[in-house]
N, C-alpha and C. Protein backbone atom coordinates (compact mmCIF):
# COMPACT_ATOMS: atom_id res chain seq x y z
N MET A 1 0.90 -1.29 -0.05
CA MET A 1 0.07 0.07 0.07
C MET A 1 1.08 1.09 -0.08
N ALA A 2 0.47 2.30 -0.81
CA ALA A 2 1.24 3.35 -1.08
C ALA A 2 1.20 4.28 0.36
N LYS A 3 2.29 5.04 0.75
CA LYS A 3 2.25 5.72 1.87
C LYS A 3 1.27 7.06 1.62
N LYS A 4 0.57 7.29 2.61
CA LYS A 4 -0.51 8.39 2.89
C LYS A 4 0.18 9.72 2.58
N ILE A 5 -0.32 10.38 1.49
CA ILE A 5 0.33 11.92 1.36
C ILE A 5 -0.04 12.78 2.42
N GLU A 6 0.91 13.61 2.88
CA GLU A 6 0.63 14.49 3.93
C GLU A 6 0.68 15.96 3.42
N PHE A 7 -0.47 16.48 3.81
CA PHE A 7 -0.61 18.14 3.50
C PHE A 7 -0.26 18.86 4.51
N LYS A 8 0.30 20.09 4.35
CA LYS A 8 0.22 21.06 5.46
C LYS A 8 -1.07 21.59 5.78
N PHE A 9 -1.92 21.85 4.87
CA PHE A 9 -3.30 22.22 4.98
C PHE A 9 -4.33 21.16 5.11
N LYS A 10 -5.28 21.36 5.92
CA LYS A 10 -6.37 20.05 6.36
C LYS A 10 -7.21 20.09 5.08
N ALA A 11 -7.40 21.24 4.51
CA ALA A 11 -8.26 21.29 3.20
C ALA A 11 -8.06 22.45 2.21
N PRO A 12 -8.34 22.17 0.91
CA PRO A 12 -7.75 23.11 -0.09
C PRO A 12 -8.35 24.37 0.27
N ASN A 13 -9.47 24.75 0.92
CA ASN A 13 -9.90 25.95 1.18
C ASN A 13 -9.00 26.73 2.38
N GLU A 14 -7.98 26.00 2.91
CA GLU A 14 -7.26 26.56 3.93
C GLU A 14 -5.98 26.91 3.21
N SER A 15 -5.70 26.62 2.09
CA SER A 15 -4.35 26.90 1.23
C SER A 15 -4.57 28.24 0.41
N PRO A 16 -3.76 29.02 0.87
CA PRO A 16 -3.82 30.55 0.31
C PRO A 16 -3.33 30.33 -1.44
N GLY A 17 -2.52 29.68 -1.42
CA GLY A 17 -1.83 29.30 -3.00
C GLY A 17 -2.97 28.53 -3.84
N TYR A 18 -3.75 27.69 -3.20
CA TYR A 18 -4.87 27.01 -3.91
C TYR A 18 -5.86 28.10 -4.35
N LEU A 19 -6.33 28.76 -3.29
CA LEU A 19 -7.42 29.74 -3.42
C LEU A 19 -7.04 30.85 -4.45
N LEU A 20 -5.61 31.33 -4.44
CA LEU A 20 -5.27 32.25 -5.20
C LEU A 20 -5.43 31.95 -6.62
N GLY A 21 -4.91 30.46 -7.00
CA GLY A 21 -4.88 29.98 -8.17
C GLY A 21 -6.36 29.86 -8.70
N GLN A 22 -7.28 29.34 -7.87
CA GLN A 22 -8.79 29.24 -8.15
C GLN A 22 -9.42 30.62 -8.59
N VAL A 23 -9.02 31.67 -7.94
CA VAL A 23 -9.52 32.98 -7.98
C VAL A 23 -8.93 33.64 -9.38
N THR A 24 -7.54 33.26 -9.54
CA THR A 24 -6.98 33.65 -10.77
C THR A 24 -7.46 33.23 -12.06
N MET A 25 -7.79 31.79 -11.95
CA MET A 25 -8.43 31.24 -13.27
C MET A 25 -9.78 31.65 -13.49
N LEU A 26 -10.52 32.10 -12.38
CA LEU A 26 -11.92 32.66 -12.79
C LEU A 26 -11.87 34.12 -13.25
N TRP A 27 -10.87 34.87 -12.87
CA TRP A 27 -10.73 36.14 -12.97
C TRP A 27 -10.33 36.07 -14.54
N GLN A 28 -9.31 35.33 -14.99
CA GLN A 28 -8.86 35.37 -16.11
C GLN A 28 -10.02 34.79 -17.40
N ARG A 29 -10.92 33.90 -16.77
CA ARG A 29 -11.82 33.46 -17.75
C ARG A 29 -12.85 34.75 -17.77
N LYS A 30 -13.10 35.44 -16.93
CA LYS A 30 -13.95 36.58 -17.01
C LYS A 30 -13.27 37.66 -18.15
N HIS A 31 -12.12 37.88 -18.04
CA HIS A 31 -11.43 38.79 -19.08
C HIS A 31 -11.53 38.41 -20.35
N LYS A 32 -11.26 36.84 -20.46
CA LYS A 32 -11.25 36.37 -21.78
C LYS A 32 -12.64 36.51 -22.49
N LYS A 33 -13.66 36.41 -21.73
CA LYS A 33 -15.08 36.72 -22.29
C LYS A 33 -15.22 38.26 -22.80
N VAL A 34 -14.64 39.06 -22.16
CA VAL A 34 -14.78 40.42 -22.67
C VAL A 34 -13.68 40.89 -23.74
N LEU A 35 -12.49 40.18 -23.72
CA LEU A 35 -11.36 40.57 -24.71
C LEU A 35 -11.59 39.84 -25.99
N ASP A 36 -12.11 38.61 -26.09
CA ASP A 36 -12.32 37.61 -27.29
C ASP A 36 -13.15 38.38 -28.42
N PRO A 37 -14.03 39.15 -28.07
CA PRO A 37 -14.68 40.08 -29.02
C PRO A 37 -13.84 41.14 -29.61
N LEU A 38 -12.84 41.66 -29.03
CA LEU A 38 -11.84 42.45 -29.45
C LEU A 38 -10.59 42.23 -30.09
N ASN A 39 -10.65 40.64 -30.18
CA ASN A 39 -9.59 40.12 -30.90
C ASN A 39 -8.28 40.10 -30.03
N LEU A 40 -8.44 40.15 -28.88
CA LEU A 40 -7.10 40.30 -27.86
C LEU A 40 -7.20 39.19 -26.96
N THR A 41 -5.95 38.80 -26.67
CA THR A 41 -5.70 37.83 -25.49
C THR A 41 -5.24 38.66 -24.23
N GLN A 42 -5.25 37.97 -23.05
CA GLN A 42 -5.08 38.63 -21.91
C GLN A 42 -3.68 39.23 -22.06
N THR A 43 -2.67 38.40 -22.66
CA THR A 43 -1.30 39.01 -22.59
C THR A 43 -1.18 40.19 -23.72
N GLN A 44 -1.86 40.10 -24.60
CA GLN A 44 -2.00 41.19 -25.57
C GLN A 44 -2.62 42.52 -25.09
N PHE A 45 -3.55 42.21 -24.19
CA PHE A 45 -4.12 43.34 -23.43
C PHE A 45 -3.04 43.95 -22.54
N VAL A 46 -2.47 43.18 -21.81
CA VAL A 46 -1.42 43.53 -20.69
C VAL A 46 -0.56 44.32 -21.35
N LEU A 47 0.17 43.86 -22.25
CA LEU A 47 1.20 44.72 -23.04
C LEU A 47 0.66 45.93 -23.77
N LEU A 48 -0.49 46.02 -24.47
CA LEU A 48 -1.13 47.10 -24.93
C LEU A 48 -1.27 48.21 -23.77
N THR A 49 -1.78 47.65 -22.78
CA THR A 49 -2.04 48.52 -21.48
C THR A 49 -0.77 49.26 -21.00
N ALA A 50 0.35 48.32 -20.97
CA ALA A 50 1.72 48.87 -20.54
C ALA A 50 2.02 49.87 -21.57
N LEU A 51 1.88 49.63 -22.87
CA LEU A 51 2.47 50.88 -23.90
C LEU A 51 1.46 51.95 -23.55
N GLY A 52 0.25 51.82 -23.53
CA GLY A 52 -0.70 53.00 -23.31
C GLY A 52 -0.11 53.81 -22.12
N TRP A 53 0.12 53.10 -21.00
CA TRP A 53 0.44 53.63 -19.75
C TRP A 53 1.79 54.72 -20.00
N LEU A 54 2.76 53.87 -20.55
CA LEU A 54 3.85 54.43 -20.80
C LEU A 54 3.96 55.67 -21.90
N SER A 55 3.25 55.48 -22.80
CA SER A 55 3.06 56.39 -23.84
C SER A 55 2.51 57.87 -23.14
N ASN A 56 1.75 57.68 -22.36
CA ASN A 56 1.15 59.01 -21.58
C ASN A 56 2.38 59.76 -21.01
N GLU A 57 3.48 59.18 -20.79
CA GLU A 57 4.67 59.78 -20.25
C GLU A 57 5.89 60.04 -20.99
N ASN A 58 5.85 59.35 -22.17
CA ASN A 58 7.28 59.24 -22.88
C ASN A 58 6.81 58.96 -24.40
N ASP A 59 7.47 59.51 -25.25
CA ASP A 59 7.20 59.35 -26.74
C ASP A 59 8.24 58.30 -27.33
N ASN A 60 9.17 57.99 -26.62
CA ASN A 60 9.97 56.89 -27.08
C ASN A 60 10.13 55.52 -26.32
N VAL A 61 8.75 54.92 -26.22
CA VAL A 61 8.65 53.63 -25.41
C VAL A 61 9.31 52.71 -26.26
N THR A 62 10.16 51.79 -25.48
CA THR A 62 10.60 50.50 -26.30
C THR A 62 10.12 49.34 -25.66
N GLN A 63 10.43 48.06 -26.37
CA GLN A 63 10.19 46.99 -26.03
C GLN A 63 10.65 46.58 -24.76
N VAL A 64 11.97 46.92 -24.11
CA VAL A 64 12.28 46.79 -22.78
C VAL A 64 11.62 47.44 -21.98
N ASP A 65 10.96 48.87 -22.08
CA ASP A 65 10.20 49.29 -21.15
C ASP A 65 8.85 48.71 -21.08
N ILE A 66 8.31 48.29 -22.23
CA ILE A 66 7.08 47.26 -22.06
C ILE A 66 7.04 46.12 -21.24
N ALA A 67 8.30 45.42 -21.58
CA ALA A 67 8.60 44.27 -20.46
C ALA A 67 8.68 44.63 -19.01
N ASN A 68 9.60 45.73 -18.76
CA ASN A 68 9.62 46.03 -17.49
C ASN A 68 8.39 46.31 -16.74
N GLN A 69 7.70 47.28 -17.50
CA GLN A 69 6.39 47.85 -16.92
C GLN A 69 5.39 46.57 -16.77
N SER A 70 5.51 45.52 -17.50
CA SER A 70 4.41 44.66 -17.33
C SER A 70 5.01 43.26 -16.73
N ASN A 71 6.34 43.80 -16.21
CA ASN A 71 6.97 42.38 -15.48
C ASN A 71 6.96 41.09 -16.30
N SER A 72 7.44 41.20 -17.61
CA SER A 72 7.00 40.22 -18.48
C SER A 72 8.61 39.68 -19.04
N ASP A 73 8.55 38.45 -19.68
CA ASP A 73 9.91 38.08 -20.36
C ASP A 73 10.06 38.71 -21.64
N ARG A 74 11.29 39.31 -21.96
CA ARG A 74 11.58 40.07 -22.98
C ARG A 74 11.35 39.33 -24.39
N MET A 75 11.80 38.15 -24.15
CA MET A 75 11.62 37.28 -25.84
C MET A 75 9.92 37.07 -25.75
N MET A 76 9.14 36.73 -24.83
CA MET A 76 7.62 36.64 -25.12
C MET A 76 7.07 38.02 -25.53
N VAL A 77 7.72 39.15 -25.03
CA VAL A 77 7.29 40.36 -25.31
C VAL A 77 7.35 40.80 -26.80
N SER A 78 8.42 40.33 -27.29
CA SER A 78 8.91 40.50 -28.60
C SER A 78 7.90 39.75 -29.46
N LYS A 79 7.69 38.46 -29.15
CA LYS A 79 6.65 37.86 -30.03
C LYS A 79 5.33 38.27 -29.93
N VAL A 80 4.86 38.60 -28.89
CA VAL A 80 3.51 39.05 -28.64
C VAL A 80 3.54 40.61 -29.51
N LEU A 81 4.44 41.49 -29.38
CA LEU A 81 4.37 42.74 -30.27
C LEU A 81 4.26 42.47 -31.65
N ARG A 82 5.18 41.42 -31.94
CA ARG A 82 5.01 41.12 -33.46
C ARG A 82 3.46 40.67 -33.85
N THR A 83 2.91 40.00 -33.13
CA THR A 83 1.34 39.83 -33.43
C THR A 83 0.51 40.82 -33.41
N LEU A 84 0.89 41.84 -32.44
CA LEU A 84 -0.07 43.01 -32.39
C LEU A 84 0.33 44.02 -33.51
N GLU A 85 1.62 43.96 -33.96
CA GLU A 85 1.87 44.75 -35.29
C GLU A 85 1.34 44.21 -36.36
N GLU A 86 1.21 42.72 -36.39
CA GLU A 86 0.16 42.21 -37.55
C GLU A 86 -1.21 42.49 -37.61
N LYS A 87 -1.63 42.77 -36.34
CA LYS A 87 -3.05 43.04 -36.19
C LYS A 87 -3.33 44.60 -36.65
N LYS A 88 -2.19 45.27 -36.72
CA LYS A 88 -2.13 46.90 -37.03
C LYS A 88 -2.58 47.57 -35.80
N PHE A 89 -2.18 46.96 -34.47
CA PHE A 89 -2.62 47.91 -33.13
C PHE A 89 -1.39 48.53 -32.77
N ILE A 90 -0.18 48.14 -33.23
CA ILE A 90 0.98 48.97 -32.82
C ILE A 90 1.90 49.17 -34.05
N SER A 91 2.88 50.15 -34.11
CA SER A 91 3.89 50.34 -35.06
C SER A 91 5.10 50.19 -34.40
N ARG A 92 6.45 49.86 -35.00
CA ARG A 92 7.44 49.60 -34.54
C ARG A 92 8.51 50.63 -35.31
N GLN A 93 9.22 51.47 -35.09
CA GLN A 93 9.98 52.38 -35.78
C GLN A 93 11.48 52.27 -35.12
N GLY A 94 12.51 52.66 -35.78
CA GLY A 94 13.87 52.77 -35.36
C GLY A 94 13.92 53.78 -34.31
N HIS A 95 14.84 53.42 -33.19
CA HIS A 95 15.10 54.46 -32.08
C HIS A 95 16.01 55.63 -32.56
N GLU A 96 15.69 56.69 -32.27
CA GLU A 96 16.49 57.98 -32.62
C GLU A 96 18.23 57.77 -32.29
N THR A 97 18.45 57.25 -31.10
CA THR A 97 19.78 57.43 -30.39
C THR A 97 20.33 55.60 -30.10
N ASP A 98 19.38 54.87 -29.96
CA ASP A 98 19.83 53.55 -29.85
C ASP A 98 19.44 52.52 -30.99
N THR A 99 20.43 52.20 -31.73
CA THR A 99 20.15 51.52 -33.25
C THR A 99 19.54 50.02 -32.92
N ARG A 100 19.79 49.59 -31.64
CA ARG A 100 19.26 48.17 -31.32
C ARG A 100 17.91 48.26 -30.90
N ALA A 101 17.37 49.34 -30.55
CA ALA A 101 15.98 49.52 -30.05
C ALA A 101 14.94 49.88 -31.17
N LYS A 102 13.78 49.57 -30.82
CA LYS A 102 12.53 49.99 -31.48
C LYS A 102 11.77 50.81 -30.62
N VAL A 103 11.23 51.86 -31.15
CA VAL A 103 10.13 52.70 -30.62
C VAL A 103 8.70 51.95 -30.89
N ILE A 104 8.12 51.68 -29.86
CA ILE A 104 6.61 51.01 -30.03
C ILE A 104 5.60 52.13 -29.90
N LYS A 105 4.76 52.20 -30.94
CA LYS A 105 3.60 53.34 -30.75
C LYS A 105 2.23 52.62 -30.92
N LEU A 106 1.17 52.96 -30.42
CA LEU A 106 -0.25 52.56 -30.70
C LEU A 106 -0.44 53.32 -31.94
N THR A 107 -1.20 52.52 -32.82
CA THR A 107 -1.68 52.94 -33.99
C THR A 107 -3.06 53.66 -33.79
N GLY A 108 -3.79 54.13 -34.64
CA GLY A 108 -5.15 54.73 -34.30
C GLY A 108 -5.97 53.58 -34.05
N GLU A 109 -5.99 52.55 -34.63
CA GLU A 109 -6.69 51.27 -34.28
C GLU A 109 -6.36 50.79 -33.11
N GLY A 110 -5.13 50.88 -32.72
CA GLY A 110 -4.71 50.28 -31.52
C GLY A 110 -5.33 50.96 -30.26
N ALA A 111 -5.30 52.25 -30.34
CA ALA A 111 -5.68 53.06 -29.59
C ALA A 111 -7.30 53.00 -29.28
N LYS A 112 -8.10 52.81 -30.27
CA LYS A 112 -9.41 52.45 -30.19
C LYS A 112 -9.63 51.26 -29.48
N VAL A 113 -8.99 50.09 -29.90
CA VAL A 113 -9.10 48.85 -29.25
C VAL A 113 -8.76 48.71 -28.08
N LEU A 114 -7.77 49.46 -27.52
CA LEU A 114 -7.21 49.49 -26.16
C LEU A 114 -8.17 50.09 -25.27
N GLN A 115 -8.73 51.38 -25.81
CA GLN A 115 -9.87 52.07 -24.88
C GLN A 115 -10.94 51.26 -24.87
N LYS A 116 -11.48 50.56 -25.89
CA LYS A 116 -12.64 49.61 -25.58
C LYS A 116 -12.23 48.53 -24.61
N ALA A 117 -11.07 47.91 -24.56
CA ALA A 117 -10.50 46.85 -23.77
C ALA A 117 -10.62 47.36 -22.47
N LEU A 118 -9.94 48.36 -22.26
CA LEU A 118 -9.77 48.98 -20.77
C LEU A 118 -11.34 49.02 -20.35
N THR A 119 -12.24 49.88 -20.94
CA THR A 119 -13.41 49.84 -20.47
C THR A 119 -13.92 48.60 -20.07
N ALA A 120 -13.94 47.55 -20.90
CA ALA A 120 -14.61 46.26 -20.88
C ALA A 120 -13.96 45.65 -19.64
N VAL A 121 -12.53 45.63 -19.53
CA VAL A 121 -11.84 45.06 -18.43
C VAL A 121 -12.21 45.72 -17.02
N GLU A 122 -11.99 46.97 -17.09
CA GLU A 122 -12.28 47.72 -15.80
C GLU A 122 -13.88 47.42 -15.29
N ASN A 123 -14.84 47.36 -16.02
CA ASN A 123 -16.24 46.97 -15.72
C ASN A 123 -16.13 45.49 -15.31
N ALA A 124 -15.36 44.61 -16.00
CA ALA A 124 -15.41 43.05 -15.62
C ALA A 124 -14.74 43.02 -14.09
N ASP A 125 -13.85 43.95 -13.97
CA ASP A 125 -13.04 43.79 -12.53
C ASP A 125 -13.80 44.28 -11.46
N ILE A 126 -14.52 45.51 -11.65
CA ILE A 126 -15.66 46.08 -10.63
C ILE A 126 -16.72 44.85 -10.35
N ASP A 127 -17.07 44.27 -11.42
CA ASP A 127 -18.15 43.25 -11.21
C ASP A 127 -17.39 42.04 -10.28
N PHE A 128 -16.26 41.39 -10.85
CA PHE A 128 -15.80 40.32 -10.32
C PHE A 128 -15.39 40.62 -8.72
N PHE A 129 -14.81 41.77 -8.50
CA PHE A 129 -14.22 42.04 -7.16
C PHE A 129 -15.42 42.75 -6.11
N SER A 130 -16.43 42.83 -6.82
CA SER A 130 -17.57 43.51 -6.00
C SER A 130 -17.86 42.83 -4.59
N ALA A 131 -17.59 41.31 -4.70
CA ALA A 131 -17.75 40.58 -3.57
C ALA A 131 -17.08 40.93 -2.34
N ILE A 132 -15.84 41.63 -2.56
CA ILE A 132 -15.06 42.06 -1.52
C ILE A 132 -15.80 43.27 -0.81
N GLY A 133 -16.47 44.11 -1.46
CA GLY A 133 -17.44 45.27 -0.88
C GLY A 133 -16.48 46.31 -0.58
N ASN A 134 -16.49 46.97 0.87
CA ASN A 134 -15.73 48.03 1.09
C ASN A 134 -14.39 47.66 1.64
N LYS A 135 -13.99 46.35 1.50
CA LYS A 135 -12.63 45.90 1.79
C LYS A 135 -11.73 45.91 0.55
N LEU A 136 -12.04 46.43 -0.63
CA LEU A 136 -11.28 46.41 -1.66
C LEU A 136 -10.01 47.12 -1.46
N SER A 137 -9.81 48.34 -0.77
CA SER A 137 -8.51 48.85 -0.60
C SER A 137 -7.69 48.10 0.28
N SER A 138 -8.21 47.55 1.38
CA SER A 138 -7.27 46.60 2.06
C SER A 138 -6.78 45.55 1.32
N PHE A 139 -7.85 44.99 0.28
CA PHE A 139 -7.46 43.75 -0.40
C PHE A 139 -6.14 44.13 -1.42
N ASN A 140 -6.32 45.42 -2.14
CA ASN A 140 -5.41 45.77 -2.96
C ASN A 140 -4.22 46.04 -2.23
N LEU A 141 -4.04 46.66 -1.07
CA LEU A 141 -2.93 46.61 -0.24
C LEU A 141 -2.25 45.60 0.16
N THR A 142 -2.93 44.47 0.49
CA THR A 142 -2.42 43.29 0.62
C THR A 142 -1.73 42.59 -0.60
N MET A 143 -2.26 42.97 -1.61
CA MET A 143 -1.84 42.23 -2.93
C MET A 143 -0.31 43.02 -3.29
N VAL A 144 -0.33 44.59 -2.93
CA VAL A 144 0.93 45.36 -3.31
C VAL A 144 1.94 44.91 -2.38
N ASN A 145 1.57 44.69 -1.15
CA ASN A 145 2.60 43.90 -0.05
C ASN A 145 3.15 42.61 -0.53
N LEU A 146 2.23 41.55 -1.08
CA LEU A 146 2.60 40.40 -1.71
C LEU A 146 3.67 40.62 -2.79
N ILE A 147 3.32 41.34 -3.82
CA ILE A 147 4.27 41.77 -4.86
C ILE A 147 5.49 42.34 -4.39
N GLU A 148 5.46 43.38 -3.45
CA GLU A 148 6.83 43.94 -3.19
C GLU A 148 7.48 42.80 -2.37
N GLN A 149 7.06 42.07 -1.71
CA GLN A 149 7.73 41.09 -0.91
C GLN A 149 8.37 39.92 -1.60
N ASN A 150 7.77 39.65 -2.91
CA ASN A 150 8.21 38.60 -3.73
C ASN A 150 8.76 38.94 -5.03
N LYS A 151 8.96 40.12 -5.48
CA LYS A 151 9.14 40.32 -6.86
C LYS A 151 10.51 40.16 -7.36
N ASP A 152 11.52 40.05 -6.31
CA ASP A 152 12.88 39.96 -6.61
C ASP A 152 13.36 38.39 -6.56
N GLU A 153 12.34 37.67 -6.53
CA GLU A 153 12.61 36.13 -6.32
C GLU A 153 12.71 35.51 -7.69
């Protein structure tokens, strides 16, 4: 007979990692539902959002800037940006001073899609997190603390 498996937690609902995984899957499913009609994946949305955010402060946003802002792998960012360029949501141009870098810009179509996606995702988030009620600020602060504590690992 196989040895009985030992768990630190007595039940799945006592495991914060398990619960976080469940919440993440449900949240991503909700986002997929609102992003699919816009021809965007969650990852494409995240990178477009990073570009939109950075573009408000800087005219020369690079791939590296987008990777850093979104906390994403640089190679993955490169591949996804290529797809977004094929969809005509972004353009890539040579950088004025760094010959290795490309300046990434939203196209008119990309800006329209991003604005629609932001509205849809923000509304989906409001609905999804409404169960937290007036504890949302505390929940967000807890998530920020978790990010800060674990981001360099």
